[in-house]
């Protein structure tokens, strides 16, 4: 993980960071990640959506370059 991505991940709220890490870096399914976090699948999907949106915003200038 690049330094900028790591910084953007650190800036996420804890639960969003955990959801993104479980699904994208540990390759868990949404069902598995929801079970690990003790939340519903819908709650996990909401955390993922908000986390991805925040990461896109934080890293937007990298894509534009």
PDB file of N, CA and C in Angstrom:
ATOM      1  N   UNK A   1       0.862  -1.168   0.000  1.00  0.00           N
ATOM      2  CA  UNK A   1       0.000   0.000   0.000  1.00  0.00           C
ATOM      3  C   UNK A   1       0.906   1.228   0.000  1.00  0.00           C
ATOM      4  N   UNK A   2       0.634   2.155  -0.903  1.00  0.00           N
ATOM      5  CA  UNK A   2       1.425   3.365  -0.998  1.00  0.00           C
ATOM      6  C   UNK A   2       1.218   4.271   0.197  1.00  0.00           C
ATOM      7  N   UNK A   3       2.149   5.175   0.382  1.00  0.00           N
ATOM      8  CA  UNK A   3       2.099   6.094   1.517  1.00  0.00           C
ATOM      9  C   UNK A   3       0.826   6.925   1.504  1.00  0.00           C
ATOM     10  N   UNK A   4       0.445   7.468   0.341  1.00  0.00           N
ATOM     11  CA  UNK A   4      -0.771   8.304   0.248  1.00  0.00           C
ATOM     12  C   UNK A   4      -2.022   7.500   0.575  1.00  0.00           C
ATOM     13  N   UNK A   5      -2.078   6.269   0.070  1.00  0.00           N
ATOM     14  CA  UNK A   5      -3.235   5.417   0.348  1.00  0.00           C
ATOM     15  C   UNK A   5      -3.279   5.083   1.838  1.00  0.00           C
ATOM     16  N   UNK A   6      -2.131   4.765   2.412  1.00  0.00           N
ATOM     17  CA  UNK A   6      -2.069   4.460   3.845  1.00  0.00           C
ATOM     18  C   UNK A   6      -2.529   5.655   4.673  1.00  0.00           C
ATOM     19  N   UNK A   7      -2.125   6.866   4.288  1.00  0.00           N
ATOM     20  CA  UNK A   7      -2.554   8.067   5.010  1.00  0.00           C
ATOM     21  C   UNK A   7      -4.061   8.271   4.872  1.00  0.00           C
ATOM     22  N   UNK A   8      -4.579   8.052   3.664  1.00  0.00           N
ATOM     23  CA  UNK A   8      -6.021   8.201   3.443  1.00  0.00           C
ATOM     24  C   UNK A   8      -6.791   7.164   4.260  1.00  0.00           C
ATOM     25  N   UNK A   9      -6.271   5.943   4.324  1.00  0.00           N
ATOM     26  CA  UNK A   9      -6.914   4.898   5.130  1.00  0.00           C
ATOM     27  C   UNK A   9      -6.906   5.292   6.601  1.00  0.00           C
ATOM     28  N   UNK A  10      -5.794   5.813   7.096  1.00  0.00           N
ATOM     29  CA  UNK A  10      -5.688   6.208   8.510  1.00  0.00           C
ATOM     30  C   UNK A  10      -6.665   7.308   8.856  1.00  0.00           C
ATOM     31  N   UNK A  11      -7.000   8.151   7.883  1.00  0.00           N
ATOM     32  CA  UNK A  11      -7.909   9.267   8.129  1.00  0.00           C
ATOM     33  C   UNK A  11      -9.370   8.827   8.233  1.00  0.00           C
ATOM     34  N   UNK A  12      -9.667   7.609   7.774  1.00  0.00           N
ATOM     35  CA  UNK A  12     -11.050   7.116   7.856  1.00  0.00           C
ATOM     36  C   UNK A  12     -11.437   6.838   9.302  1.00  0.00           C
ATOM     37  N   UNK A  13     -12.722   6.970   9.616  1.00  0.00           N
ATOM     38  CA  UNK A  13     -13.196   6.523  10.931  1.00  0.00           C
ATOM     39  C   UNK A  13     -12.885   5.028  11.109  1.00  0.00           C
ATOM     40  N   UNK A  14     -12.686   4.604  12.330  1.00  0.00           N
ATOM     41  CA  UNK A  14     -12.252   3.233  12.622  1.00  0.00           C
ATOM     42  C   UNK A  14     -13.080   2.160  11.928  1.00  0.00           C
ATOM     43  N   UNK A  15     -14.400   2.253  12.019  1.00  0.00           N
ATOM     44  CA  UNK A  15     -15.262   1.197  11.465  1.00  0.00           C
ATOM     45  C   UNK A  15     -15.186   1.166   9.942  1.00  0.00           C
ATOM     46  N   UNK A  16     -15.090   2.330   9.308  1.00  0.00           N
ATOM     47  CA  UNK A  16     -14.947   2.362   7.846  1.00  0.00           C
ATOM     48  C   UNK A  16     -13.606   1.762   7.438  1.00  0.00           C
ATOM     49  N   UNK A  17     -12.557   2.129   8.161  1.00  0.00           N
ATOM     50  CA  UNK A  17     -11.226   1.601   7.864  1.00  0.00           C
ATOM     51  C   UNK A  17     -11.210   0.078   8.014  1.00  0.00           C
ATOM     52  N   UNK A  18     -11.838  -0.423   9.067  1.00  0.00           N
ATOM     53  CA  UNK A  18     -11.887  -1.868   9.296  1.00  0.00           C
ATOM     54  C   UNK A  18     -12.637  -2.570   8.167  1.00  0.00           C
ATOM     55  N   UNK A  19     -13.772  -2.014   7.759  1.00  0.00           N
ATOM     56  CA  UNK A  19     -14.566  -2.623   6.687  1.00  0.00           C
ATOM     57  C   UNK A  19     -13.784  -2.673   5.377  1.00  0.00           C
ATOM     58  N   UNK A  20     -13.157  -1.563   5.028  1.00  0.00           N
ATOM     59  CA  UNK A  20     -12.368  -1.510   3.787  1.00  0.00           C
ATOM     60  C   UNK A  20     -11.201  -2.494   3.857  1.00  0.00           C
ATOM     61  N   UNK A  21     -10.512  -2.519   4.976  1.00  0.00           N
ATOM     62  CA  UNK A  21      -9.368  -3.426   5.121  1.00  0.00           C
ATOM     63  C   UNK A  21      -9.791  -4.887   5.018  1.00  0.00           C
ATOM     64  N   UNK A  22     -10.875  -5.249   5.672  1.00  0.00           N
ATOM     65  CA  UNK A  22     -11.331  -6.647   5.633  1.00  0.00           C
ATOM     66  C   UNK A  22     -11.716  -7.072   4.221  1.00  0.00           C
ATOM     67  N   UNK A  23     -12.414  -6.213   3.511  1.00  0.00           N
ATOM     68  CA  UNK A  23     -12.916  -6.586   2.188  1.00  0.00           C
ATOM     69  C   UNK A  23     -11.876  -6.431   1.082  1.00  0.00           C
ATOM     70  N   UNK A  24     -11.050  -5.405   1.159  1.00  0.00           N
ATOM     71  CA  UNK A  24     -10.142  -5.117   0.052  1.00  0.00           C
ATOM     72  C   UNK A  24      -8.710  -5.599   0.278  1.00  0.00           C
ATOM     73  N   UNK A  25      -8.287  -5.702   1.507  1.00  0.00           N
ATOM     74  CA  UNK A  25      -6.910  -6.118   1.771  1.00  0.00           C
ATOM     75  C   UNK A  25      -6.833  -7.535   2.313  1.00  0.00           C
ATOM     76  N   UNK A  26      -7.883  -7.995   2.994  1.00  0.00           N
ATOM     77  CA  UNK A  26      -7.897  -9.366   3.499  1.00  0.00           C
ATOM     78  C   UNK A  26      -8.800 -10.264   2.665  1.00  0.00           C
ATOM     79  N   UNK A  27      -9.410  -9.690   1.619  1.00  0.00           N
ATOM     80  CA  UNK A  27     -10.220 -10.440   0.657  1.00  0.00           C
ATOM     81  C   UNK A  27     -11.372 -11.231   1.274  1.00  0.00           C
ATOM     82  N   UNK A  28     -11.957 -10.707   2.350  1.00  0.00           N
ATOM     83  CA  UNK A  28     -13.139 -11.362   2.906  1.00  0.00           C
ATOM     84  C   UNK A  28     -14.358 -10.956   2.090  1.00  0.00           C
ATOM     85  N   UNK A  29     -15.342 -11.831   2.032  1.00  0.00           N
ATOM     86  CA  UNK A  29     -16.604 -11.471   1.411  1.00  0.00           C
ATOM     87  C   UNK A  29     -17.343 -10.517   2.341  1.00  0.00           C
ATOM     88  N   UNK A  30     -18.378  -9.867   1.824  1.00  0.00           N
ATOM     89  CA  UNK A  30     -19.178  -8.980   2.675  1.00  0.00           C
ATOM     90  C   UNK A  30     -19.793  -9.748   3.839  1.00  0.00           C
ATOM     91  N   UNK A  31     -20.238 -10.961   3.573  1.00  0.00           N
ATOM     92  CA  UNK A  31     -20.838 -11.783   4.632  1.00  0.00           C
ATOM     93  C   UNK A  31     -19.801 -12.085   5.715  1.00  0.00           C
ATOM     94  N   UNK A  32     -18.601 -12.474   5.305  1.00  0.00           N
ATOM     95  CA  UNK A  32     -17.531 -12.790   6.265  1.00  0.00           C
ATOM     96  C   UNK A  32     -17.119 -11.548   7.058  1.00  0.00           C
ATOM     97  N   UNK A  33     -16.946 -10.428   6.355  1.00  0.00           N
ATOM     98  CA  UNK A  33     -16.515  -9.198   7.019  1.00  0.00           C
ATOM     99  C   UNK A  33     -17.580  -8.713   8.008  1.00  0.00           C
ATOM    100  N   UNK A  34     -18.852  -8.815   7.618  1.00  0.00           N
ATOM    101  CA  UNK A  34     -19.929  -8.411   8.526  1.00  0.00           C
ATOM    102  C   UNK A  34     -19.902  -9.264   9.787  1.00  0.00           C
ATOM    103  N   UNK A  35     -19.664 -10.562   9.631  1.00  0.00           N
ATOM    104  CA  UNK A  35     -19.601 -11.455  10.793  1.00  0.00           C
ATOM    105  C   UNK A  35     -18.429 -11.082  11.698  1.00  0.00           C
ATOM    106  N   UNK A  36     -17.268 -10.806  11.113  1.00  0.00           N
ATOM    107  CA  UNK A  36     -16.090 -10.428  11.898  1.00  0.00           C
ATOM    108  C   UNK A  36     -16.366  -9.148  12.684  1.00  0.00           C
ATOM    109  N   UNK A  37     -17.036  -8.199  12.037  1.00  0.00           N
ATOM    110  CA  UNK A  37     -17.304  -6.913  12.675  1.00  0.00           C
ATOM    111  C   UNK A  37     -18.531  -6.940  13.584  1.00  0.00           C
ATOM    112  N   UNK A  38     -19.328  -7.997  13.483  1.00  0.00           N
ATOM    113  CA  UNK A  38     -20.521  -8.101  14.308  1.00  0.00           C
ATOM    114  C   UNK A  38     -21.619  -7.142  13.887  1.00  0.00           C
ATOM    115  N   UNK A  39     -21.718  -6.883  12.576  1.00  0.00           N
ATOM    116  CA  UNK A  39     -22.746  -5.983  12.043  1.00  0.00           C
ATOM    117  C   UNK A  39     -23.525  -6.714  10.954  1.00  0.00           C
ATOM    118  N   UNK A  40     -24.646  -6.128  10.562  1.00  0.00           N
ATOM    119  CA  UNK A  40     -25.424  -6.701   9.464  1.00  0.00           C
ATOM    120  C   UNK A  40     -24.703  -6.451   8.140  1.00  0.00           C
ATOM    121  N   UNK A  41     -25.073  -7.193   7.138  1.00  0.00           N
ATOM    122  CA  UNK A  41     -24.483  -6.996   5.808  1.00  0.00           C
ATOM    123  C   UNK A  41     -24.801  -5.590   5.312  1.00  0.00           C
ATOM    124  N   UNK A  42     -26.017  -5.133   5.569  1.00  0.00           N
ATOM    125  CA  UNK A  42     -26.405  -3.784   5.145  1.00  0.00           C
ATOM    126  C   UNK A  42     -25.532  -2.727   5.817  1.00  0.00           C
ATOM    127  N   UNK A  43     -25.250  -2.905   7.092  1.00  0.00           N
ATOM    128  CA  UNK A  43     -24.397  -1.955   7.815  1.00  0.00           C
ATOM    129  C   UNK A  43     -22.978  -1.982   7.244  1.00  0.00           C
ATOM    130  N   UNK A  44     -22.473  -3.177   6.949  1.00  0.00           N
ATOM    131  CA  UNK A  44     -21.141  -3.295   6.359  1.00  0.00           C
ATOM    132  C   UNK A  44     -21.105  -2.586   5.011  1.00  0.00           C
ATOM    133  N   UNK A  45     -22.109  -2.801   4.187  1.00  0.00           N
ATOM    134  CA  UNK A  45     -22.143  -2.172   2.872  1.00  0.00           C
ATOM    135  C   UNK A  45     -22.196  -0.652   2.988  1.00  0.00           C
ATOM    136  N   UNK A  46     -22.873  -0.143   3.984  1.00  0.00           N
ATOM    137  CA  UNK A  46     -22.911   1.295   4.226  1.00  0.00           C
ATOM    138  C   UNK A  46     -21.524   1.804   4.636  1.00  0.00           C
ATOM    139  N   UNK A  47     -20.860   1.084   5.525  1.00  0.00           N
ATOM    140  CA  UNK A  47     -19.501   1.458   5.935  1.00  0.00           C
ATOM    141  C   UNK A  47     -18.550   1.447   4.743  1.00  0.00           C
ATOM    142  N   UNK A  48     -18.659   0.419   3.904  1.00  0.00           N
ATOM    143  CA  UNK A  48     -17.811   0.332   2.714  1.00  0.00           C
ATOM    144  C   UNK A  48     -18.070   1.493   1.765  1.00  0.00           C
ATOM    145  N   UNK A  49     -19.330   1.795   1.552  1.00  0.00           N
ATOM    146  CA  UNK A  49     -19.689   2.875   0.641  1.00  0.00           C
ATOM    147  C   UNK A  49     -19.125   4.204   1.117  1.00  0.00           C
ATOM    148  N   UNK A  50     -19.309   4.505   2.395  1.00  0.00           N
ATOM    149  CA  UNK A  50     -18.794   5.763   2.938  1.00  0.00           C
ATOM    150  C   UNK A  50     -17.267   5.787   2.924  1.00  0.00           C
ATOM    151  N   UNK A  51     -16.649   4.652   3.251  1.00  0.00           N
ATOM    152  CA  UNK A  51     -15.183   4.585   3.240  1.00  0.00           C
ATOM    153  C   UNK A  51     -14.612   4.749   1.848  1.00  0.00           C
ATOM    154  N   UNK A  52     -15.201   4.088   0.873  1.00  0.00           N
ATOM    155  CA  UNK A  52     -14.733   4.210  -0.516  1.00  0.00           C
ATOM    156  C   UNK A  52     -14.889   5.642  -1.017  1.00  0.00           C
ATOM    157  N   UNK A  53     -16.028   6.255  -0.695  1.00  0.00           N
ATOM    158  CA  UNK A  53     -16.272   7.638  -1.119  1.00  0.00           C
ATOM    159  C   UNK A  53     -15.212   8.562  -0.529  1.00  0.00           C
ATOM    160  N   UNK A  54     -14.915   8.393   0.741  1.00  0.00           N
ATOM    161  CA  UNK A  54     -13.906   9.228   1.398  1.00  0.00           C
ATOM    162  C   UNK A  54     -12.526   8.993   0.787  1.00  0.00           C
ATOM    163  N   UNK A  55     -12.197   7.745   0.475  1.00  0.00           N
ATOM    164  CA  UNK A  55     -10.911   7.450  -0.149  1.00  0.00           C
ATOM    165  C   UNK A  55     -10.827   8.060  -1.545  1.00  0.00           C
ATOM    166  N   UNK A  56     -11.908   7.942  -2.316  1.00  0.00           N
ATOM    167  CA  UNK A  56     -11.925   8.549  -3.659  1.00  0.00           C
ATOM    168  C   UNK A  56     -11.667  10.050  -3.574  1.00  0.00           C
ATOM    169  N   UNK A  57     -12.321  10.688  -2.635  1.00  0.00           N
ATOM    170  CA  UNK A  57     -12.162  12.136  -2.466  1.00  0.00           C
ATOM    171  C   UNK A  57     -10.723  12.463  -2.050  1.00  0.00           C
ATOM    172  N   UNK A  58     -10.209  11.729  -1.099  1.00  0.00           N
ATOM    173  CA  UNK A  58      -8.847  11.990  -0.590  1.00  0.00           C
ATOM    174  C   UNK A  58      -7.783  11.744  -1.637  1.00  0.00           C
ATOM    175  N   UNK A  59      -8.031  10.792  -2.533  1.00  0.00           N
ATOM    176  CA  UNK A  59      -7.013  10.413  -3.515  1.00  0.00           C
ATOM    177  C   UNK A  59      -7.325  10.915  -4.918  1.00  0.00           C
ATOM    178  N   UNK A  60      -8.319  11.763  -5.073  1.00  0.00           N
ATOM    179  CA  UNK A  60      -8.752  12.238  -6.392  1.00  0.00           C
ATOM    180  C   UNK A  60      -7.636  12.892  -7.177  1.00  0.00           C
ATOM    181  N   UNK A  61      -6.790  13.654  -6.513  1.00  0.00           N
ATOM    182  CA  UNK A  61      -5.715  14.343  -7.244  1.00  0.00           C
ATOM    183  C   UNK A  61      -4.681  13.367  -7.785  1.00  0.00           C
ATOM    184  N   UNK A  62      -4.570  12.183  -7.194  1.00  0.00           N
ATOM    185  CA  UNK A  62      -3.634  11.168  -7.705  1.00  0.00           C
ATOM    186  C   UNK A  62      -4.115  10.651  -9.061  1.00  0.00           C
ATOM    187  N   UNK A  63      -5.405  10.466  -9.202  1.00  0.00           N
ATOM    188  CA  UNK A  63      -5.982   9.928 -10.436  1.00  0.00           C
ATOM    189  C   UNK A  63      -5.902  10.977 -11.536  1.00  0.00           C
ATOM    190  N   UNK A  64      -6.121  12.237 -11.184  1.00  0.00           N
ATOM    191  CA  UNK A  64      -6.111  13.316 -12.168  1.00  0.00           C
ATOM    192  C   UNK A  64      -4.712  13.598 -12.708  1.00  0.00           C
ATOM    193  N   UNK A  65      -3.698  13.213 -11.962  1.00  0.00           N
ATOM    194  CA  UNK A  65      -2.304  13.507 -12.387  1.00  0.00           C
ATOM    195  C   UNK A  65      -1.841  12.623 -13.499  1.00  0.00           C
TER     196      UNK A  65
END
